[in-house]
Amino acid sequence: MMQMVPPGKGRDSLESIPPLTPAMSAAALVVVQRDWNGWRKAMTPMAALQDVHWHQPAGAPRPLIHAYVSCRELTSGDVPHDCAGRAPHRLLICVLRQHTAPSVFCALVERANAAAGKA
């Protein structure tokens, strides 16, 4: 399977972004949203993101970074979900490049590409 890179970015530009150290990665907060075109957002630690992968939702112009996160890991903000008697549960969320620090987004791209390589 072909490796994905963020839209508009070549592999050379990804290599010029300094990698995150493990300490930086654990502390990094990521803006997440339930829908790629939604307006409600929340923050979660990067370490809380599970199963990072590429997914192209209906209507999206290209594959985007998606992951799962426990609803209890949302540290601020508001993404719509219903915990009705079954909290905590995993939410499928989207991470957009324009809301994410370049080094954090690069690390997520690497995780999504690694997952695509296993498929």
PDB file of N, CA and C in Angstrom:
ATOM      1  N   MET A   1       0.846  -1.180   0.000  1.00  0.00           N
ATOM      2  CA  MET A   1       0.000   0.000   0.000  1.00  0.00           C
ATOM      3  C   MET A   1       0.892   1.244   0.000  1.00  0.00           C
ATOM      4  N   MET A   2       0.495   2.255  -0.747  1.00  0.00           N
ATOM      5  CA  MET A   2       1.272   3.483  -0.826  1.00  0.00           C
ATOM      6  C   MET A   2       1.233   4.238   0.504  1.00  0.00           C
ATOM      7  N   GLN A   3       2.377   4.781   0.905  1.00  0.00           N
ATOM      8  CA  GLN A   3       2.443   5.543   2.146  1.00  0.00           C
ATOM      9  C   GLN A   3       1.824   6.911   1.952  1.00  0.00           C
ATOM     10  N   MET A   4       1.076   7.352   2.927  1.00  0.00           N
ATOM     11  CA  MET A   4       0.397   8.635   2.864  1.00  0.00           C
ATOM     12  C   MET A   4       1.267   9.710   3.507  1.00  0.00           C
ATOM     13  N   VAL A   5       1.155  10.905   3.015  1.00  0.00           N
ATOM     14  CA  VAL A   5       1.752  12.079   3.638  1.00  0.00           C
ATOM     15  C   VAL A   5       0.660  13.130   3.694  1.00  0.00           C
ATOM     16  N   PRO A   6       0.795  14.107   4.561  1.00  0.00           N
ATOM     17  CA  PRO A   6      -0.246  15.136   4.620  1.00  0.00           C
ATOM     18  C   PRO A   6      -0.431  15.782   3.263  1.00  0.00           C
ATOM     19  N   PRO A   7      -1.660  16.119   2.908  1.00  0.00           N
ATOM     20  CA  PRO A   7      -1.920  16.765   1.624  1.00  0.00           C
ATOM     21  C   PRO A   7      -1.083  18.028   1.466  1.00  0.00           C
ATOM     22  N   GLY A   8      -0.494  18.186   0.290  1.00  0.00           N
ATOM     23  CA  GLY A   8       0.292  19.375   0.010  1.00  0.00           C
ATOM     24  C   GLY A   8       1.695  19.319   0.576  1.00  0.00           C
ATOM     25  N   LYS A   9       2.063  18.203   1.158  1.00  0.00           N
ATOM     26  CA  LYS A   9       3.386  18.080   1.753  1.00  0.00           C
ATOM     27  C   LYS A   9       4.099  16.888   1.129  1.00  0.00           C
ATOM     28  N   GLY A  10       5.315  17.088   0.691  1.00  0.00           N
ATOM     29  CA  GLY A  10       6.117  15.996   0.182  1.00  0.00           C
ATOM     30  C   GLY A  10       6.895  15.350   1.307  1.00  0.00           C
ATOM     31  N   ARG A  11       7.449  14.205   1.039  1.00  0.00           N
ATOM     32  CA  ARG A  11       8.234  13.491   2.039  1.00  0.00           C
ATOM     33  C   ARG A  11       9.406  14.342   2.518  1.00  0.00           C
ATOM     34  N   ASP A  12      10.021  15.153   1.626  1.00  0.00           N
ATOM     35  CA  ASP A  12      11.145  16.001   2.023  1.00  0.00           C
ATOM     36  C   ASP A  12      10.744  16.979   3.112  1.00  0.00           C
ATOM     37  N   SER A  13       9.564  17.576   3.002  1.00  0.00           N
ATOM     38  CA  SER A  13       9.153  18.546   4.013  1.00  0.00           C
ATOM     39  C   SER A  13       8.860  17.863   5.341  1.00  0.00           C
ATOM     40  N   LEU A  14       8.406  16.612   5.323  1.00  0.00           N
ATOM     41  CA  LEU A  14       8.176  15.882   6.569  1.00  0.00           C
ATOM     42  C   LEU A  14       9.487  15.595   7.281  1.00  0.00           C
ATOM     43  N   GLU A  15      10.517  15.281   6.507  1.00  0.00           N
ATOM     44  CA  GLU A  15      11.805  14.951   7.113  1.00  0.00           C
ATOM     45  C   GLU A  15      12.472  16.164   7.736  1.00  0.00           C
ATOM     46  N   SER A  16      12.075  17.371   7.338  1.00  0.00           N
ATOM     47  CA  SER A  16      12.688  18.566   7.904  1.00  0.00           C
ATOM     48  C   SER A  16      12.066  18.977   9.232  1.00  0.00           C
ATOM     49  N   ILE A  17      10.973  18.337   9.634  1.00  0.00           N
ATOM     50  CA  ILE A  17      10.328  18.650  10.914  1.00  0.00           C
ATOM     51  C   ILE A  17      11.038  17.861  12.002  1.00  0.00           C
ATOM     52  N   PRO A  18      11.509  18.538  13.055  1.00  0.00           N
ATOM     53  CA  PRO A  18      12.193  17.798  14.119  1.00  0.00           C
ATOM     54  C   PRO A  18      11.246  16.825  14.804  1.00  0.00           C
ATOM     55  N   PRO A  19      11.721  15.612  15.098  1.00  0.00           N
ATOM     56  CA  PRO A  19      10.846  14.624  15.730  1.00  0.00           C
ATOM     57  C   PRO A  19      10.539  14.997  17.178  1.00  0.00           C
ATOM     58  N   LEU A  20       9.409  14.496  17.660  1.00  0.00           N
ATOM     59  CA  LEU A  20       9.044  14.709  19.057  1.00  0.00           C
ATOM     60  C   LEU A  20       9.841  13.758  19.933  1.00  0.00           C
ATOM     61  N   THR A  21      10.300  14.244  21.063  1.00  0.00           N
ATOM     62  CA  THR A  21      10.920  13.357  22.045  1.00  0.00           C
ATOM     63  C   THR A  21       9.792  12.630  22.772  1.00  0.00           C
ATOM     64  N   PRO A  22      10.077  11.503  23.411  1.00  0.00           N
ATOM     65  CA  PRO A  22       9.012  10.809  24.143  1.00  0.00           C
ATOM     66  C   PRO A  22       8.336  11.698  25.190  1.00  0.00           C
ATOM     67  N   ALA A  23       9.102  12.535  25.881  1.00  0.00           N
ATOM     68  CA  ALA A  23       8.509  13.420  26.890  1.00  0.00           C
ATOM     69  C   ALA A  23       7.581  14.442  26.237  1.00  0.00           C
ATOM     70  N   MET A  24       8.007  15.011  25.100  1.00  0.00           N
ATOM     71  CA  MET A  24       7.176  15.984  24.395  1.00  0.00           C
ATOM     72  C   MET A  24       5.902  15.313  23.879  1.00  0.00           C
ATOM     73  N   SER A  25       6.044  14.102  23.371  1.00  0.00           N
ATOM     74  CA  SER A  25       4.907  13.385  22.814  1.00  0.00           C
ATOM     75  C   SER A  25       3.855  13.113  23.878  1.00  0.00           C
ATOM     76  N   ALA A  26       4.286  12.686  25.053  1.00  0.00           N
ATOM     77  CA  ALA A  26       3.345  12.380  26.125  1.00  0.00           C
ATOM     78  C   ALA A  26       2.616  13.632  26.600  1.00  0.00           C
ATOM     79  N   ALA A  27       3.296  14.774  26.574  1.00  0.00           N
ATOM     80  CA  ALA A  27       2.709  16.013  27.087  1.00  0.00           C
ATOM     81  C   ALA A  27       1.912  16.776  26.037  1.00  0.00           C
ATOM     82  N   ALA A  28       2.088  16.464  24.772  1.00  0.00           N
ATOM     83  CA  ALA A  28       1.442  17.227  23.703  1.00  0.00           C
ATOM     84  C   ALA A  28      -0.069  17.065  23.744  1.00  0.00           C
ATOM     85  N   LEU A  29      -0.771  18.190  23.655  1.00  0.00           N
ATOM     86  CA  LEU A  29      -2.225  18.162  23.545  1.00  0.00           C
ATOM     87  C   LEU A  29      -2.604  18.289  22.080  1.00  0.00           C
ATOM     88  N   VAL A  30      -3.633  17.567  21.689  1.00  0.00           N
ATOM     89  CA  VAL A  30      -4.081  17.529  20.303  1.00  0.00           C
ATOM     90  C   VAL A  30      -5.538  17.996  20.249  1.00  0.00           C
ATOM     91  N   VAL A  31      -5.839  18.849  19.267  1.00  0.00           N
ATOM     92  CA  VAL A  31      -7.225  19.263  19.024  1.00  0.00           C
ATOM     93  C   VAL A  31      -7.890  18.154  18.219  1.00  0.00           C
ATOM     94  N   VAL A  32      -9.029  17.688  18.710  1.00  0.00           N
ATOM     95  CA  VAL A  32      -9.761  16.615  18.034  1.00  0.00           C
ATOM     96  C   VAL A  32     -11.205  17.054  17.802  1.00  0.00           C
ATOM     97  N   GLN A  33     -11.835  16.432  16.830  1.00  0.00           N
ATOM     98  CA  GLN A  33     -13.246  16.681  16.565  1.00  0.00           C
ATOM     99  C   GLN A  33     -13.878  15.408  16.050  1.00  0.00           C
ATOM    100  N   ARG A  34     -15.178  15.259  16.246  1.00  0.00           N
ATOM    101  CA  ARG A  34     -15.873  14.045  15.821  1.00  0.00           C
ATOM    102  C   ARG A  34     -16.025  13.999  14.306  1.00  0.00           C
ATOM    103  N   ASP A  35     -16.346  15.129  13.687  1.00  0.00           N
ATOM    104  CA  ASP A  35     -16.572  15.180  12.247  1.00  0.00           C
ATOM    105  C   ASP A  35     -15.509  16.046  11.596  1.00  0.00           C
ATOM    106  N   TRP A  36     -15.033  15.647  10.441  1.00  0.00           N
ATOM    107  CA  TRP A  36     -13.963  16.386   9.772  1.00  0.00           C
ATOM    108  C   TRP A  36     -14.384  17.814   9.456  1.00  0.00           C
ATOM    109  N   ASN A  37     -15.681  18.029   9.256  1.00  0.00           N
ATOM    110  CA  ASN A  37     -16.175  19.365   8.931  1.00  0.00           C
ATOM    111  C   ASN A  37     -17.000  19.967  10.069  1.00  0.00           C
ATOM    112  N   GLY A  38     -16.861  19.411  11.258  1.00  0.00           N
ATOM    113  CA  GLY A  38     -17.596  19.901  12.417  1.00  0.00           C
ATOM    114  C   GLY A  38     -16.926  21.116  13.033  1.00  0.00           C
ATOM    115  N   TRP A  39     -17.661  21.807  13.877  1.00  0.00           N
ATOM    116  CA  TRP A  39     -17.114  23.001  14.511  1.00  0.00           C
ATOM    117  C   TRP A  39     -16.805  22.781  15.984  1.00  0.00           C
ATOM    118  N   ARG A  40     -17.303  21.710  16.588  1.00  0.00           N
ATOM    119  CA  ARG A  40     -17.046  21.441  18.000  1.00  0.00           C
ATOM    120  C   ARG A  40     -15.754  20.667  18.152  1.00  0.00           C
ATOM    121  N   LYS A  41     -14.913  21.158  19.052  1.00  0.00           N
ATOM    122  CA  LYS A  41     -13.587  20.580  19.224  1.00  0.00           C
ATOM    123  C   LYS A  41     -13.303  20.328  20.695  1.00  0.00           C
ATOM    124  N   ALA A  42     -12.325  19.467  20.952  1.00  0.00           N
ATOM    125  CA  ALA A  42     -11.863  19.194  22.310  1.00  0.00           C
ATOM    126  C   ALA A  42     -10.355  18.977  22.249  1.00  0.00           C
ATOM    127  N   MET A  43      -9.742  18.942  23.412  1.00  0.00           N
ATOM    128  CA  MET A  43      -8.304  18.669  23.523  1.00  0.00           C
ATOM    129  C   MET A  43      -8.132  17.328  24.233  1.00  0.00           C
ATOM    130  N   THR A  44      -7.092  16.609  23.833  1.00  0.00           N
ATOM    131  CA  THR A  44      -6.745  15.353  24.487  1.00  0.00           C
ATOM    132  C   THR A  44      -5.234  15.162  24.393  1.00  0.00           C
ATOM    133  N   PRO A  45      -4.633  14.480  25.353  1.00  0.00           N
ATOM    134  CA  PRO A  45      -3.197  14.203  25.235  1.00  0.00           C
ATOM    135  C   PRO A  45      -2.920  13.294  24.039  1.00  0.00           C
ATOM    136  N   MET A  46      -1.819  13.539  23.364  1.00  0.00           N
ATOM    137  CA  MET A  46      -1.461  12.710  22.218  1.00  0.00           C
ATOM    138  C   MET A  46      -1.321  11.247  22.637  1.00  0.00           C
ATOM    139  N   ALA A  47      -0.835  11.016  23.843  1.00  0.00           N
ATOM    140  CA  ALA A  47      -0.655   9.653  24.331  1.00  0.00           C
ATOM    141  C   ALA A  47      -1.984   8.901  24.448  1.00  0.00           C
ATOM    142  N   ALA A  48      -3.104   9.613  24.517  1.00  0.00           N
ATOM    143  CA  ALA A  48      -4.415   8.967  24.653  1.00  0.00           C
ATOM    144  C   ALA A  48      -4.976   8.483  23.322  1.00  0.00           C
ATOM    145  N   LEU A  49      -4.382   8.895  22.212  1.00  0.00           N
ATOM    146  CA  LEU A  49      -4.893   8.487  20.896  1.00  0.00           C
ATOM    147  C   LEU A  49      -4.521   7.041  20.613  1.00  0.00           C
ATOM    148  N   GLN A  50      -5.507   6.244  20.259  1.00  0.00           N
ATOM    149  CA  GLN A  50      -5.312   4.827  19.964  1.00  0.00           C
ATOM    150  C   GLN A  50      -5.703   4.536  18.519  1.00  0.00           C
ATOM    151  N   ASP A  51      -5.055   3.547  17.938  1.00  0.00           N
ATOM    152  CA  ASP A  51      -5.388   3.100  16.579  1.00  0.00           C
ATOM    153  C   ASP A  51      -5.422   4.263  15.586  1.00  0.00           C
ATOM    154  N   VAL A  52      -4.354   5.040  15.553  1.00  0.00           N
ATOM    155  CA  VAL A  52      -4.257   6.169  14.618  1.00  0.00           C
ATOM    156  C   VAL A  52      -4.222   5.592  13.204  1.00  0.00           C
ATOM    157  N   HIS A  53      -5.052   6.143  12.310  1.00  0.00           N
ATOM    158  CA  HIS A  53      -5.149   5.607  10.954  1.00  0.00           C
ATOM    159  C   HIS A  53      -5.652   6.675   9.982  1.00  0.00           C
ATOM    160  N   TRP A  54      -5.521   6.376   8.695  1.00  0.00           N
ATOM    161  CA  TRP A  54      -6.071   7.229   7.635  1.00  0.00           C
ATOM    162  C   TRP A  54      -7.488   6.768   7.342  1.00  0.00           C
ATOM    163  N   HIS A  55      -8.381   7.718   7.162  1.00  0.00           N
ATOM    164  CA  HIS A  55      -9.774   7.403   6.811  1.00  0.00           C
ATOM    165  C   HIS A  55     -10.332   8.582   6.024  1.00  0.00           C
ATOM    166  N   GLN A  56     -11.080   8.287   4.975  1.00  0.00           N
ATOM    167  CA  GLN A  56     -11.721   9.347   4.189  1.00  0.00           C
ATOM    168  C   GLN A  56     -13.224   9.274   4.384  1.00  0.00           C
ATOM    169  N   PRO A  57     -13.766  10.134   5.275  1.00  0.00           N
ATOM    170  CA  PRO A  57     -15.214  10.133   5.493  1.00  0.00           C
ATOM    171  C   PRO A  57     -15.957  10.629   4.252  1.00  0.00           C
ATOM    172  N   ALA A  58     -17.224  10.315   4.185  1.00  0.00           N
ATOM    173  CA  ALA A  58     -18.051  10.787   3.075  1.00  0.00           C
ATOM    174  C   ALA A  58     -17.972  12.308   2.983  1.00  0.00           C
ATOM    175  N   GLY A  59     -17.708  12.804   1.794  1.00  0.00           N
ATOM    176  CA  GLY A  59     -17.632  14.235   1.554  1.00  0.00           C
ATOM    177  C   GLY A  59     -16.275  14.867   1.807  1.00  0.00           C
ATOM    178  N   ALA A  60     -15.377  14.153   2.472  1.00  0.00           N
ATOM    179  CA  ALA A  60     -14.042  14.704   2.740  1.00  0.00           C
ATOM    180  C   ALA A  60     -13.227  14.707   1.447  1.00  0.00           C
ATOM    181  N   PRO A  61     -12.388  15.728   1.245  1.00  0.00           N
ATOM    182  CA  PRO A  61     -11.641  15.824  -0.004  1.00  0.00           C
ATOM    183  C   PRO A  61     -10.494  14.828  -0.130  1.00  0.00           C
ATOM    184  N   ARG A  62     -10.071  14.219   0.981  1.00  0.00           N
ATOM    185  CA  ARG A  62      -8.941  13.284   0.972  1.00  0.00           C
ATOM    186  C   ARG A  62      -8.942  12.501   2.281  1.00  0.00           C
ATOM    187  N   PRO A  63      -8.129  11.445   2.367  1.00  0.00           N
ATOM    188  CA  PRO A  63      -8.016  10.736   3.646  1.00  0.00           C
ATOM    189  C   PRO A  63      -7.448  11.674   4.724  1.00  0.00           C
ATOM    190  N   LEU A  64      -7.961  11.550   5.929  1.00  0.00           N
ATOM    191  CA  LEU A  64      -7.561  12.385   7.057  1.00  0.00           C
ATOM    192  C   LEU A  64      -7.138  11.482   8.217  1.00  0.00           C
ATOM    193  N   ILE A  65      -6.366  12.044   9.129  1.00  0.00           N
ATOM    194  CA  ILE A  65      -5.948  11.301  10.313  1.00  0.00           C
ATOM    195  C   ILE A  65      -7.162  11.103  11.231  1.00  0.00           C
ATOM    196  N   HIS A  66      -7.395   9.863  11.633  1.00  0.00           N
ATOM    197  CA  HIS A  66      -8.441   9.518  12.585  1.00  0.00           C
ATOM    198  C   HIS A  66      -7.811   8.640  13.668  1.00  0.00           C
ATOM    199  N   ALA A  67      -8.452   8.590  14.806  1.00  0.00           N
ATOM    200  CA  ALA A  67      -7.997   7.749  15.913  1.00  0.00           C
ATOM    201  C   ALA A  67      -9.164   7.527  16.851  1.00  0.00           C
ATOM    202  N   TYR A  68      -8.940   6.690  17.836  1.00  0.00           N
ATOM    203  CA  TYR A  68      -9.920   6.476  18.890  1.00  0.00           C
ATOM    204  C   TYR A  68      -9.371   7.055  20.181  1.00  0.00           C
ATOM    205  N   VAL A  69     -10.278   7.577  21.004  1.00  0.00           N
ATOM    206  CA  VAL A  69      -9.896   8.117  22.307  1.00  0.00           C
ATOM    207  C   VAL A  69     -11.042   7.847  23.284  1.00  0.00           C
ATOM    208  N   SER A  70     -10.699   7.577  24.526  1.00  0.00           N
ATOM    209  CA  SER A  70     -11.715   7.411  25.564  1.00  0.00           C
ATOM    210  C   SER A  70     -12.350   8.763  25.840  1.00  0.00           C
ATOM    211  N   CYS A  71     -13.659   8.777  26.041  1.00  0.00           N
ATOM    212  CA  CYS A  71     -14.331  10.048  26.316  1.00  0.00           C
ATOM    213  C   CYS A  71     -13.810  10.682  27.603  1.00  0.00           C
ATOM    214  N   ARG A  72     -13.244   9.914  28.477  1.00  0.00           N
ATOM    215  CA  ARG A  72     -12.678  10.455  29.724  1.00  0.00           C
ATOM    216  C   ARG A  72     -11.326  11.121  29.514  1.00  0.00           C
ATOM    217  N   GLU A  73     -10.720  10.927  28.360  1.00  0.00           N
ATOM    218  CA  GLU A  73      -9.422  11.531  28.058  1.00  0.00           C
ATOM    219  C   GLU A  73      -9.555  12.919  27.426  1.00  0.00           C
ATOM    220  N   LEU A  74     -10.770  13.366  27.181  1.00  0.00           N
ATOM    221  CA  LEU A  74     -10.978  14.710  26.634  1.00  0.00           C
ATOM    222  C   LEU A  74     -10.787  15.704  27.773  1.00  0.00           C
ATOM    223  N   THR A  75      -9.730  16.528  27.662  1.00  0.00           N
ATOM    224  CA  THR A  75      -9.367  17.396  28.784  1.00  0.00           C
ATOM    225  C   THR A  75     -10.101  18.722  28.778  1.00  0.00           C
ATOM    226  N   SER A  76     -10.523  19.188  27.634  1.00  0.00           N
ATOM    227  CA  SER A  76     -11.271  20.441  27.539  1.00  0.00           C
ATOM    228  C   SER A  76     -12.032  20.446  26.229  1.00  0.00           C
ATOM    229  N   GLY A  77     -12.965  21.382  26.114  1.00  0.00           N
ATOM    230  CA  GLY A  77     -13.751  21.470  24.891  1.00  0.00           C
ATOM    231  C   GLY A  77     -14.969  20.576  24.957  1.00  0.00           C
ATOM    232  N   ASP A  78     -15.582  20.398  23.806  1.00  0.00           N
ATOM    233  CA  ASP A  78     -16.821  19.649  23.758  1.00  0.00           C
ATOM    234  C   ASP A  78     -16.995  19.007  22.389  1.00  0.00           C
ATOM    235  N   VAL A  79     -16.976  17.694  22.358  1.00  0.00           N
ATOM    236  CA  VAL A  79     -17.358  16.980  21.141  1.00  0.00           C
ATOM    237  C   VAL A  79     -18.624  16.194  21.468  1.00  0.00           C
ATOM    238  N   PRO A  80     -19.596  16.223  20.586  1.00  0.00           N
ATOM    239  CA  PRO A  80     -20.863  15.560  20.885  1.00  0.00           C
ATOM    240  C   PRO A  80     -20.703  14.048  21.001  1.00  0.00           C
ATOM    241  N   HIS A  81     -21.199  13.514  22.102  1.00  0.00           N
ATOM    242  CA  HIS A  81     -21.285  12.075  22.291  1.00  0.00           C
ATOM    243  C   HIS A  81     -22.232  11.804  23.447  1.00  0.00           C
ATOM    244  N   ASP A  82     -22.700  10.581  23.532  1.00  0.00           N
ATOM    245  CA  ASP A  82     -23.677  10.213  24.546  1.00  0.00           C
ATOM    246  C   ASP A  82     -23.096   9.119  25.431  1.00  0.00           C
ATOM    247  N   CYS A  83     -22.839   9.441  26.696  1.00  0.00           N
ATOM    248  CA  CYS A  83     -22.299   8.476  27.652  1.00  0.00           C
ATOM    249  C   CYS A  83     -23.394   7.679  28.364  1.00  0.00           C
ATOM    250  N   ALA A  84     -24.614   7.865  28.027  1.00  0.00           N
ATOM    251  CA  ALA A  84     -25.779   7.281  28.704  1.00  0.00           C
ATOM    252  C   ALA A  84     -25.527   5.874  29.252  1.00  0.00           C
ATOM    253  N   GLY A  85     -25.039   5.816  30.482  1.00  0.00           N
ATOM    254  CA  GLY A  85     -24.868   4.558  31.188  1.00  0.00           C
ATOM    255  C   GLY A  85     -23.738   3.674  30.715  1.00  0.00           C
ATOM    256  N   ARG A  86     -22.935   4.111  29.801  1.00  0.00           N
ATOM    257  CA  ARG A  86     -21.859   3.245  29.306  1.00  0.00           C
ATOM    258  C   ARG A  86     -20.514   3.970  29.242  1.00  0.00           C
ATOM    259  N   ALA A  87     -20.292   4.896  30.137  1.00  0.00           N
ATOM    260  CA  ALA A  87     -19.015   5.609  30.170  1.00  0.00           C
ATOM    261  C   ALA A  87     -17.993   4.758  30.910  1.00  0.00           C
ATOM    262  N   PRO A  88     -16.727   4.838  30.627  1.00  0.00           N
ATOM    263  CA  PRO A  88     -16.193   5.536  29.463  1.00  0.00           C
ATOM    264  C   PRO A  88     -16.320   4.662  28.215  1.00  0.00           C
ATOM    265  N   HIS A  89     -16.301   5.294  27.082  1.00  0.00           N
ATOM    266  CA  HIS A  89     -16.333   4.567  25.822  1.00  0.00           C
ATOM    267  C   HIS A  89     -15.403   5.247  24.829  1.00  0.00           C
ATOM    268  N   ARG A  90     -15.087   4.517  23.772  1.00  0.00           N
ATOM    269  CA  ARG A  90     -14.158   5.039  22.764  1.00  0.00           C
ATOM    270  C   ARG A  90     -14.911   5.842  21.720  1.00  0.00           C
ATOM    271  N   LEU A  91     -14.309   6.975  21.367  1.00  0.00           N
ATOM    272  CA  LEU A  91     -14.873   7.830  20.319  1.00  0.00           C
ATOM    273  C   LEU A  91     -13.938   7.817  19.123  1.00  0.00           C
ATOM    274  N   LEU A  92     -14.498   7.756  17.934  1.00  0.00           N
ATOM    275  CA  LEU A  92     -13.717   7.946  16.721  1.00  0.00           C
ATOM    276  C   LEU A  92     -13.610   9.443  16.500  1.00  0.00           C
ATOM    277  N   ILE A  93     -12.385   9.941  16.417  1.00  0.00           N
ATOM    278  CA  ILE A  93     -12.168  11.380  16.254  1.00  0.00           C
ATOM    279  C   ILE A  93     -11.277  11.639  15.045  1.00  0.00           C
ATOM    280  N   CYS A  94     -11.262  12.879  14.617  1.00  0.00           N
ATOM    281  CA  CYS A  94     -10.478  13.343  13.480  1.00  0.00           C
ATOM    282  C   CYS A  94      -9.480  14.380  13.976  1.00  0.00           C
ATOM    283  N   VAL A  95      -8.267  14.363  13.418  1.00  0.00           N
ATOM    284  CA  VAL A  95      -7.242  15.359  13.741  1.00  0.00           C
ATOM    285  C   VAL A  95      -6.894  16.071  12.435  1.00  0.00           C
ATOM    286  N   LEU A  96      -7.132  17.373  12.397  1.00  0.00           N
ATOM    287  CA  LEU A  96      -6.856  18.146  11.188  1.00  0.00           C
ATOM    288  C   LEU A  96      -5.508  18.854  11.292  1.00  0.00           C
ATOM    289  N   ARG A  97      -4.799  18.886  10.185  1.00  0.00           N
ATOM    290  CA  ARG A  97      -3.471  19.498  10.151  1.00  0.00           C
ATOM    291  C   ARG A  97      -3.494  20.954  10.590  1.00  0.00           C
ATOM    292  N   GLN A  98      -4.501  21.731  10.178  1.00  0.00           N
ATOM    293  CA  GLN A  98      -4.501  23.160  10.483  1.00  0.00           C
ATOM    294  C   GLN A  98      -4.678  23.451  11.968  1.00  0.00           C
ATOM    295  N   HIS A  99      -5.117  22.467  12.758  1.00  0.00           N
ATOM    296  CA  HIS A  99      -5.298  22.669  14.195  1.00  0.00           C
ATOM    297  C   HIS A  99      -4.182  22.035  15.018  1.00  0.00           C
ATOM    298  N   THR A 100      -3.153  21.527  14.345  1.00  0.00           N
ATOM    299  CA  THR A 100      -2.155  20.708  15.021  1.00  0.00           C
ATOM    300  C   THR A 100      -0.744  21.247  14.765  1.00  0.00           C
ATOM    301  N   ALA A 101       0.075  21.247  15.809  1.00  0.00           N
ATOM    302  CA  ALA A 101       1.478  21.652  15.666  1.00  0.00           C
ATOM    303  C   ALA A 101       2.157  20.730  14.657  1.00  0.00           C
ATOM    304  N   PRO A 102       3.035  21.277  13.806  1.00  0.00           N
ATOM    305  CA  PRO A 102       3.661  20.458  12.759  1.00  0.00           C
ATOM    306  C   PRO A 102       4.369  19.207  13.284  1.00  0.00           C
ATOM    307  N   SER A 103       5.103  19.310  14.375  1.00  0.00           N
ATOM    308  CA  SER A 103       5.819  18.135  14.888  1.00  0.00           C
ATOM    309  C   SER A 103       4.848  17.075  15.402  1.00  0.00           C
ATOM    310  N   VAL A 104       3.746  17.499  15.996  1.00  0.00           N
ATOM    311  CA  VAL A 104       2.730  16.563  16.481  1.00  0.00           C
ATOM    312  C   VAL A 104       2.037  15.903  15.289  1.00  0.00           C
ATOM    313  N   PHE A 105       1.680  16.688  14.285  1.00  0.00           N
ATOM    314  CA  PHE A 105       1.014  16.122  13.119  1.00  0.00           C
ATOM    315  C   PHE A 105       1.938  15.136  12.398  1.00  0.00           C
ATOM    316  N   CYS A 106       3.215  15.459  12.307  1.00  0.00           N
ATOM    317  CA  CYS A 106       4.182  14.567  11.669  1.00  0.00           C
ATOM    318  C   CYS A 106       4.242  13.227  12.408  1.00  0.00           C
ATOM    319  N   ALA A 107       4.236  13.271  13.734  1.00  0.00           N
ATOM    320  CA  ALA A 107       4.249  12.034  14.522  1.00  0.00           C
ATOM    321  C   ALA A 107       2.977  11.219  14.278  1.00  0.00           C
ATOM    322  N   LEU A 108       1.842  11.888  14.145  1.00  0.00           N
ATOM    323  CA  LEU A 108       0.587  11.184  13.865  1.00  0.00           C
ATOM    324  C   LEU A 108       0.587  10.579  12.462  1.00  0.00           C
ATOM    325  N   VAL A 109       1.166  11.302  11.498  1.00  0.00           N
ATOM    326  CA  VAL A 109       1.298  10.764  10.135  1.00  0.00           C
ATOM    327  C   VAL A 109       2.128   9.485  10.165  1.00  0.00           C
ATOM    328  N   GLU A 110       3.215   9.488  10.913  1.00  0.00           N
ATOM    329  CA  GLU A 110       4.053   8.286  11.016  1.00  0.00           C
ATOM    330  C   GLU A 110       3.268   7.122  11.608  1.00  0.00           C
ATOM    331  N   ARG A 111       2.463   7.385  12.635  1.00  0.00           N
ATOM    332  CA  ARG A 111       1.655   6.328  13.251  1.00  0.00           C
ATOM    333  C   ARG A 111       0.599   5.818  12.265  1.00  0.00           C
ATOM    334  N   ALA A 112      -0.050   6.717  11.532  1.00  0.00           N
ATOM    335  CA  ALA A 112      -1.066   6.313  10.555  1.00  0.00           C
ATOM    336  C   ALA A 112      -0.430   5.514   9.414  1.00  0.00           C
ATOM    337  N   ASN A 113       0.745   5.958   8.952  1.00  0.00           N
ATOM    338  CA  ASN A 113       1.443   5.227   7.889  1.00  0.00           C
ATOM    339  C   ASN A 113       1.861   3.839   8.355  1.00  0.00           C
ATOM    340  N   ALA A 114       2.308   3.730   9.603  1.00  0.00           N
ATOM    341  CA  ALA A 114       2.691   2.420  10.143  1.00  0.00           C
ATOM    342  C   ALA A 114       1.478   1.503  10.192  1.00  0.00           C
ATOM    343  N   ALA A 115       0.334   2.032  10.588  1.00  0.00           N
ATOM    344  CA  ALA A 115      -0.893   1.231  10.616  1.00  0.00           C
ATOM    345  C   ALA A 115      -1.305   0.801   9.217  1.00  0.00           C
ATOM    346  N   ALA A 116      -1.130   1.694   8.230  1.00  0.00           N
ATOM    347  CA  ALA A 116      -1.480   1.360   6.844  1.00  0.00           C
ATOM    348  C   ALA A 116      -0.559   0.272   6.309  1.00  0.00           C
ATOM    349  N   GLY A 117       0.686   0.280   6.753  1.00  0.00           N
ATOM    350  CA  GLY A 117       1.644  -0.741   6.318  1.00  0.00           C
ATOM    351  C   GLY A 117       1.323  -2.118   6.849  1.00  0.00           C
ATOM    352  N   LYS A 118       0.620  -2.183   7.987  1.00  0.00           N
ATOM    353  CA  LYS A 118       0.240  -3.463   8.595  1.00  0.00           C
ATOM    354  C   LYS A 118      -1.006  -4.033   7.955  1.00  0.00           C
ATOM    355  N   ALA A 119      -1.797  -3.180   7.287  1.00  0.00           N
ATOM    356  CA  ALA A 119      -3.072  -3.627   6.721  1.00  0.00           C
ATOM    357  C   ALA A 119      -2.874  -4.508   5.516  1.00  0.00           C
TER     358      ALA A 119
END
